Amino acid sequence: MKDIDLFQLGYGLATGAQEEDTKRGLAQSCDPVIAPNSVENTDRDDHFVRRDGAVFAGTHLIIEVVEGAGLDDEARIQQAFRDCVDACGATLLHIHTHKFSPQGVSGVAVLAESHISVHTWPEIGYGAFDVFMCGDAQPWKAVDVLAKAFETADIRVRELKRGEGLIPG
């Protein structure tokens, strides 16, 4: 790949910054004052979560669907992704799924707020979902959506606050 090709892709050859970073003012000089685009600036229009005095990149739910139905159905999984996006107040950018033979589906819904992903083992009624969202999205609302979509009451959830502790609250 030639340097001109990299430039056309939007990569800054000297810094590794992407073109949109310089347009948004992210490639700035080091200034001891909190810069307008600094994640420490509470007036910044970003997608960091500020909750209970903490600032973190987003909420990542590890959701296990146990004794679920329909976990081999791509269309059902894609609709569950769409329903999660709607319920959580997120923004869907793209869905991609892949059906395995003889069974199982992997997939991802790319969101403006991050992603939802899955890998299923329908032969044992198990689906491993990740729901990671930042900003004002409400990822916990995906839990009930997935329970209903896959007809189970056995949903197991663990929460991670991604980037917790990196930025003072």
C-alpha atoms as a PDB file:
ATOM      1  CA  MET A   1       0.000   0.000   0.000  1.00  0.00           C
ATOM      2  CA  LYS A   2       1.373   3.400  -0.969  1.00  0.00           C
ATOM      3  CA  ASP A   3       1.481   6.443   1.319  1.00  0.00           C
ATOM      4  CA  ILE A   4      -1.162   8.136  -0.838  1.00  0.00           C
ATOM      5  CA  ASP A   5      -3.465   5.151  -0.277  1.00  0.00           C
ATOM      6  CA  LEU A   6      -3.038   5.486   3.484  1.00  0.00           C
ATOM      7  CA  PHE A   7      -3.723   9.207   3.240  1.00  0.00           C
ATOM      8  CA  GLN A   8      -6.900   8.540   1.265  1.00  0.00           C
ATOM      9  CA  LEU A   9      -8.008   6.120   3.972  1.00  0.00           C
ATOM     10  CA  GLY A  10      -7.829   9.035   6.413  1.00  0.00           C
ATOM     11  CA  TYR A  11      -4.720   8.021   8.353  1.00  0.00           C
ATOM     12  CA  GLY A  12      -2.220  10.711   9.323  1.00  0.00           C
ATOM     13  CA  LEU A  13       1.122   9.290   8.281  1.00  0.00           C
ATOM     14  CA  ALA A  14       3.150  11.221  10.840  1.00  0.00           C
ATOM     15  CA  THR A  15       0.980  10.690  13.933  1.00  0.00           C
ATOM     16  CA  GLY A  16      -1.288   7.734  13.191  1.00  0.00           C
ATOM     17  CA  ALA A  17      -4.246  10.008  13.868  1.00  0.00           C
ATOM     18  CA  GLN A  18      -7.280   9.633  11.706  1.00  0.00           C
ATOM     19  CA  GLU A  19      -8.507  12.597   9.717  1.00  0.00           C
ATOM     20  CA  GLU A  20     -11.678  12.918  11.780  1.00  0.00           C
ATOM     21  CA  ASP A  21      -9.560  13.248  14.946  1.00  0.00           C
ATOM     22  CA  THR A  22      -7.978  16.445  13.663  1.00  0.00           C
ATOM     23  CA  LYS A  23     -11.311  17.773  12.419  1.00  0.00           C
ATOM     24  CA  ARG A  24     -12.873  17.208  15.848  1.00  0.00           C
ATOM     25  CA  GLY A  25      -9.911  18.795  17.611  1.00  0.00           C
ATOM     26  CA  LEU A  26      -8.638  15.608  19.255  1.00  0.00           C
ATOM     27  CA  ALA A  27      -5.072  16.105  18.036  1.00  0.00           C
ATOM     28  CA  GLN A  28      -4.232  19.055  20.286  1.00  0.00           C
ATOM     29  CA  SER A  29      -1.176  20.351  22.008  1.00  0.00           C
ATOM     30  CA  CYS A  30      -0.621  19.473  25.664  1.00  0.00           C
ATOM     31  CA  ASP A  31      -2.229  22.240  27.683  1.00  0.00           C
ATOM     32  CA  PRO A  32      -2.426  22.133  31.495  1.00  0.00           C
ATOM     33  CA  VAL A  33      -5.947  23.587  31.323  1.00  0.00           C
ATOM     34  CA  ILE A  34      -8.706  21.044  30.715  1.00  0.00           C
ATOM     35  CA  ALA A  35      -9.217  21.135  26.970  1.00  0.00           C
ATOM     36  CA  PRO A  36     -12.779  21.502  25.633  1.00  0.00           C
ATOM     37  CA  ASN A  37     -12.640  17.977  24.178  1.00  0.00           C
ATOM     38  CA  SER A  38     -11.004  16.386  27.249  1.00  0.00           C
ATOM     39  CA  VAL A  39     -13.003  13.513  28.752  1.00  0.00           C
ATOM     40  CA  GLU A  40     -12.468  15.229  32.112  1.00  0.00           C
ATOM     41  CA  ASN A  41     -14.508  18.215  30.933  1.00  0.00           C
ATOM     42  CA  THR A  42     -18.061  17.629  32.190  1.00  0.00           C
ATOM     43  CA  ASP A  43     -19.431  20.059  29.575  1.00  0.00           C
ATOM     44  CA  ARG A  44     -18.078  17.857  26.781  1.00  0.00           C
ATOM     45  CA  ASP A  45     -20.656  16.363  24.446  1.00  0.00           C
ATOM     46  CA  ASP A  46     -19.430  12.759  24.481  1.00  0.00           C
ATOM     47  CA  HIS A  47     -20.740   9.294  25.135  1.00  0.00           C
ATOM     48  CA  PHE A  48     -18.983   8.588  28.430  1.00  0.00           C
ATOM     49  CA  VAL A  49     -21.312   7.453  31.190  1.00  0.00           C
ATOM     50  CA  ARG A  50     -21.437   9.558  34.339  1.00  0.00           C
ATOM     51  CA  ARG A  51     -23.258   7.667  37.085  1.00  0.00           C
ATOM     52  CA  ASP A  52     -23.038   7.723  40.885  1.00  0.00           C
ATOM     53  CA  GLY A  53     -19.915   9.907  40.811  1.00  0.00           C
ATOM     54  CA  ALA A  54     -18.091   7.599  38.377  1.00  0.00           C
ATOM     55  CA  VAL A  55     -17.097   8.242  34.783  1.00  0.00           C
ATOM     56  CA  PHE A  56     -16.623   5.257  32.490  1.00  0.00           C
ATOM     57  CA  ALA A  57     -16.709   4.410  28.799  1.00  0.00           C
ATOM     58  CA  GLY A  58     -19.820   2.282  28.908  1.00  0.00           C
ATOM     59  CA  THR A  59     -21.791  -0.556  30.418  1.00  0.00           C
ATOM     60  CA  HIS A  60     -20.903  -4.025  29.151  1.00  0.00           C
ATOM     61  CA  LEU A  61     -23.372  -6.772  30.017  1.00  0.00           C
ATOM     62  CA  ILE A  62     -22.396 -10.413  29.672  1.00  0.00           C
ATOM     63  CA  ILE A  63     -25.768 -12.097  29.186  1.00  0.00           C
ATOM     64  CA  GLU A  64     -26.244 -15.840  29.138  1.00  0.00           C
ATOM     65  CA  VAL A  65     -29.487 -17.213  27.748  1.00  0.00           C
ATOM     66  CA  VAL A  66     -30.042 -20.674  29.228  1.00  0.00           C
ATOM     67  CA  GLU A  67     -32.692 -23.155  28.060  1.00  0.00           C
ATOM     68  CA  GLY A  68     -33.549 -20.805  25.213  1.00  0.00           C
ATOM     69  CA  ALA A  69     -35.573 -21.576  22.099  1.00  0.00           C
ATOM     70  CA  GLY A  70     -34.892 -20.408  18.542  1.00  0.00           C
ATOM     71  CA  LEU A  71     -31.155 -19.952  18.986  1.00  0.00           C
ATOM     72  CA  ASP A  72     -30.490 -21.501  15.562  1.00  0.00           C
ATOM     73  CA  ASP A  73     -32.704 -19.016  13.720  1.00  0.00           C
ATOM     74  CA  GLU A  74     -30.763 -16.134  12.122  1.00  0.00           C
ATOM     75  CA  ALA A  75     -33.866 -14.067  11.436  1.00  0.00           C
ATOM     76  CA  ARG A  76     -35.005 -14.425  15.050  1.00  0.00           C
ATOM     77  CA  ILE A  77     -31.578 -13.369  16.330  1.00  0.00           C
ATOM     78  CA  GLN A  78     -31.488 -10.370  13.985  1.00  0.00           C
ATOM     79  CA  GLN A  79     -34.960  -9.329  15.164  1.00  0.00           C
ATOM     80  CA  ALA A  80     -33.857  -9.730  18.796  1.00  0.00           C
ATOM     81  CA  PHE A  81     -30.917  -7.409  18.053  1.00  0.00           C
ATOM     82  CA  ARG A  82     -33.304  -4.832  16.543  1.00  0.00           C
ATOM     83  CA  ASP A  83     -35.693  -5.132  19.497  1.00  0.00           C
ATOM     84  CA  CYS A  84     -32.797  -4.674  21.945  1.00  0.00           C
ATOM     85  CA  VAL A  85     -31.636  -1.577  20.072  1.00  0.00           C
ATOM     86  CA  ASP A  86     -35.132  -0.077  20.194  1.00  0.00           C
ATOM     87  CA  ALA A  87     -35.720  -0.916  23.865  1.00  0.00           C
ATOM     88  CA  CYS A  88     -32.306   0.395  24.926  1.00  0.00           C
ATOM     89  CA  GLY A  89     -32.567   3.655  22.991  1.00  0.00           C
ATOM     90  CA  ALA A  90     -29.501   2.863  20.886  1.00  0.00           C
ATOM     91  CA  THR A  91     -28.668   3.527  17.227  1.00  0.00           C
ATOM     92  CA  LEU A  92     -28.281   0.558  14.880  1.00  0.00           C
ATOM     93  CA  LEU A  93     -25.589   0.894  12.220  1.00  0.00           C
ATOM     94  CA  HIS A  94     -25.269  -2.665  10.878  1.00  0.00           C
ATOM     95  CA  ILE A  95     -26.158  -6.289  11.627  1.00  0.00           C
ATOM     96  CA  HIS A  96     -24.130  -9.259  10.442  1.00  0.00           C
ATOM     97  CA  THR A  97     -24.877 -12.876  11.323  1.00  0.00           C
ATOM     98  CA  HIS A  98     -23.473 -16.220  10.233  1.00  0.00           C
ATOM     99  CA  LYS A  99     -25.221 -19.595  10.508  1.00  0.00           C
ATOM    100  CA  PHE A 100     -23.002 -22.592  11.127  1.00  0.00           C
ATOM    101  CA  SER A 101     -23.601 -26.142   9.970  1.00  0.00           C
ATOM    102  CA  PRO A 102     -25.006 -28.221  11.494  1.00  0.00           C
ATOM    103  CA  GLN A 103     -26.123 -25.588  14.031  1.00  0.00           C
ATOM    104  CA  GLY A 104     -25.255 -22.357  15.780  1.00  0.00           C
ATOM    105  CA  VAL A 105     -25.243 -18.684  14.912  1.00  0.00           C
ATOM    106  CA  SER A 106     -22.705 -15.938  15.524  1.00  0.00           C
ATOM    107  CA  GLY A 107     -23.579 -12.329  14.992  1.00  0.00           C
ATOM    108  CA  VAL A 108     -22.983  -8.718  15.791  1.00  0.00           C
ATOM    109  CA  ALA A 109     -25.073  -5.587  15.723  1.00  0.00           C
ATOM    110  CA  VAL A 110     -22.788  -2.587  15.367  1.00  0.00           C
ATOM    111  CA  LEU A 111     -24.213   0.413  17.180  1.00  0.00           C
ATOM    112  CA  ALA A 112     -23.279   4.064  17.334  1.00  0.00           C
ATOM    113  CA  GLU A 113     -23.065   3.362  21.082  1.00  0.00           C
ATOM    114  CA  SER A 114     -20.920   0.171  20.622  1.00  0.00           C
ATOM    115  CA  HIS A 115     -22.297  -3.330  19.910  1.00  0.00           C
ATOM    116  CA  ILE A 116     -24.404  -6.367  20.675  1.00  0.00           C
ATOM    117  CA  SER A 117     -22.900  -9.760  19.851  1.00  0.00           C
ATOM    118  CA  VAL A 118     -23.872 -13.415  20.177  1.00  0.00           C
ATOM    119  CA  HIS A 119     -22.661 -16.944  19.710  1.00  0.00           C
ATOM    120  CA  THR A 120     -25.197 -19.745  20.162  1.00  0.00           C
ATOM    121  CA  TRP A 121     -25.187 -23.435  20.949  1.00  0.00           C
ATOM    122  CA  PRO A 122     -28.813 -24.307  20.105  1.00  0.00           C
ATOM    123  CA  GLU A 123     -28.260 -28.018  20.739  1.00  0.00           C
ATOM    124  CA  ILE A 124     -28.056 -27.188  24.458  1.00  0.00           C
ATOM    125  CA  GLY A 125     -30.310 -24.087  24.436  1.00  0.00           C
ATOM    126  CA  TYR A 126     -27.460 -21.683  25.199  1.00  0.00           C
ATOM    127  CA  GLY A 127     -26.740 -18.223  23.830  1.00  0.00           C
ATOM    128  CA  ALA A 128     -23.777 -16.080  24.893  1.00  0.00           C
ATOM    129  CA  PHE A 129     -24.661 -12.412  24.349  1.00  0.00           C
ATOM    130  CA  ASP A 130     -22.591  -9.275  24.916  1.00  0.00           C
ATOM    131  CA  VAL A 131     -24.363  -5.934  25.125  1.00  0.00           C
ATOM    132  CA  PHE A 132     -21.954  -3.013  25.331  1.00  0.00           C
ATOM    133  CA  MET A 133     -23.363   0.507  25.213  1.00  0.00           C
ATOM    134  CA  CYS A 134     -22.150   3.956  26.100  1.00  0.00           C
ATOM    135  CA  GLY A 135     -23.867   7.309  26.461  1.00  0.00           C
ATOM    136  CA  ASP A 136     -27.544   7.522  27.334  1.00  0.00           C
ATOM    137  CA  ALA A 137     -28.405   4.041  26.050  1.00  0.00           C
ATOM    138  CA  GLN A 138     -29.915   1.685  28.631  1.00  0.00           C
ATOM    139  CA  PRO A 139     -28.350  -1.754  28.055  1.00  0.00           C
ATOM    140  CA  TRP A 140     -30.133  -3.418  30.983  1.00  0.00           C
ATOM    141  CA  LYS A 141     -33.377  -3.206  28.988  1.00  0.00           C
ATOM    142  CA  ALA A 142     -31.900  -5.815  26.619  1.00  0.00           C
ATOM    143  CA  VAL A 143     -32.183  -8.505  29.315  1.00  0.00           C
ATOM    144  CA  ASP A 144     -36.002  -8.703  29.203  1.00  0.00           C
ATOM    145  CA  VAL A 145     -35.987  -8.444  25.411  1.00  0.00           C
ATOM    146  CA  LEU A 146     -33.660 -11.456  25.117  1.00  0.00           C
ATOM    147  CA  ALA A 147     -35.663 -13.479  27.671  1.00  0.00           C
ATOM    148  CA  LYS A 148     -38.821 -12.916  25.647  1.00  0.00           C
ATOM    149  CA  ALA A 149     -37.176 -13.432  22.239  1.00  0.00           C
ATOM    150  CA  PHE A 150     -35.728 -16.807  23.240  1.00  0.00           C
ATOM    151  CA  GLU A 151     -38.582 -17.909  25.515  1.00  0.00           C
ATOM    152  CA  THR A 152     -36.682 -18.429  28.746  1.00  0.00           C
ATOM    153  CA  ALA A 153     -36.730 -17.238  32.333  1.00  0.00           C
ATOM    154  CA  ASP A 154     -33.140 -18.383  32.888  1.00  0.00           C
ATOM    155  CA  ILE A 155     -31.057 -15.322  32.047  1.00  0.00           C
ATOM    156  CA  ARG A 156     -27.728 -14.771  33.789  1.00  0.00           C
ATOM    157  CA  VAL A 157     -26.122 -11.334  33.697  1.00  0.00           C
ATOM    158  CA  ARG A 158     -22.804  -9.840  34.751  1.00  0.00           C
ATOM    159  CA  GLU A 159     -22.046  -6.133  34.415  1.00  0.00           C
ATOM    160  CA  LEU A 160     -18.713  -4.526  33.635  1.00  0.00           C
ATOM    161  CA  LYS A 161     -18.147  -0.780  33.664  1.00  0.00           C
ATOM    162  CA  ARG A 162     -15.657  -0.459  30.823  1.00  0.00           C
ATOM    163  CA  GLY A 163     -12.920   2.076  31.463  1.00  0.00           C
ATOM    164  CA  GLU A 164     -13.928   2.496  35.101  1.00  0.00           C
ATOM    165  CA  GLY A 165     -11.330   4.353  37.137  1.00  0.00           C
ATOM    166  CA  LEU A 166      -9.439   5.741  34.155  1.00  0.00           C
ATOM    167  CA  ILE A 167     -11.055   9.155  34.458  1.00  0.00           C
ATOM    168  CA  PRO A 168     -11.707  10.895  37.795  1.00  0.00           C
ATOM    169  CA  GLY A 169     -15.389  11.121  38.704  1.00  0.00           C
END
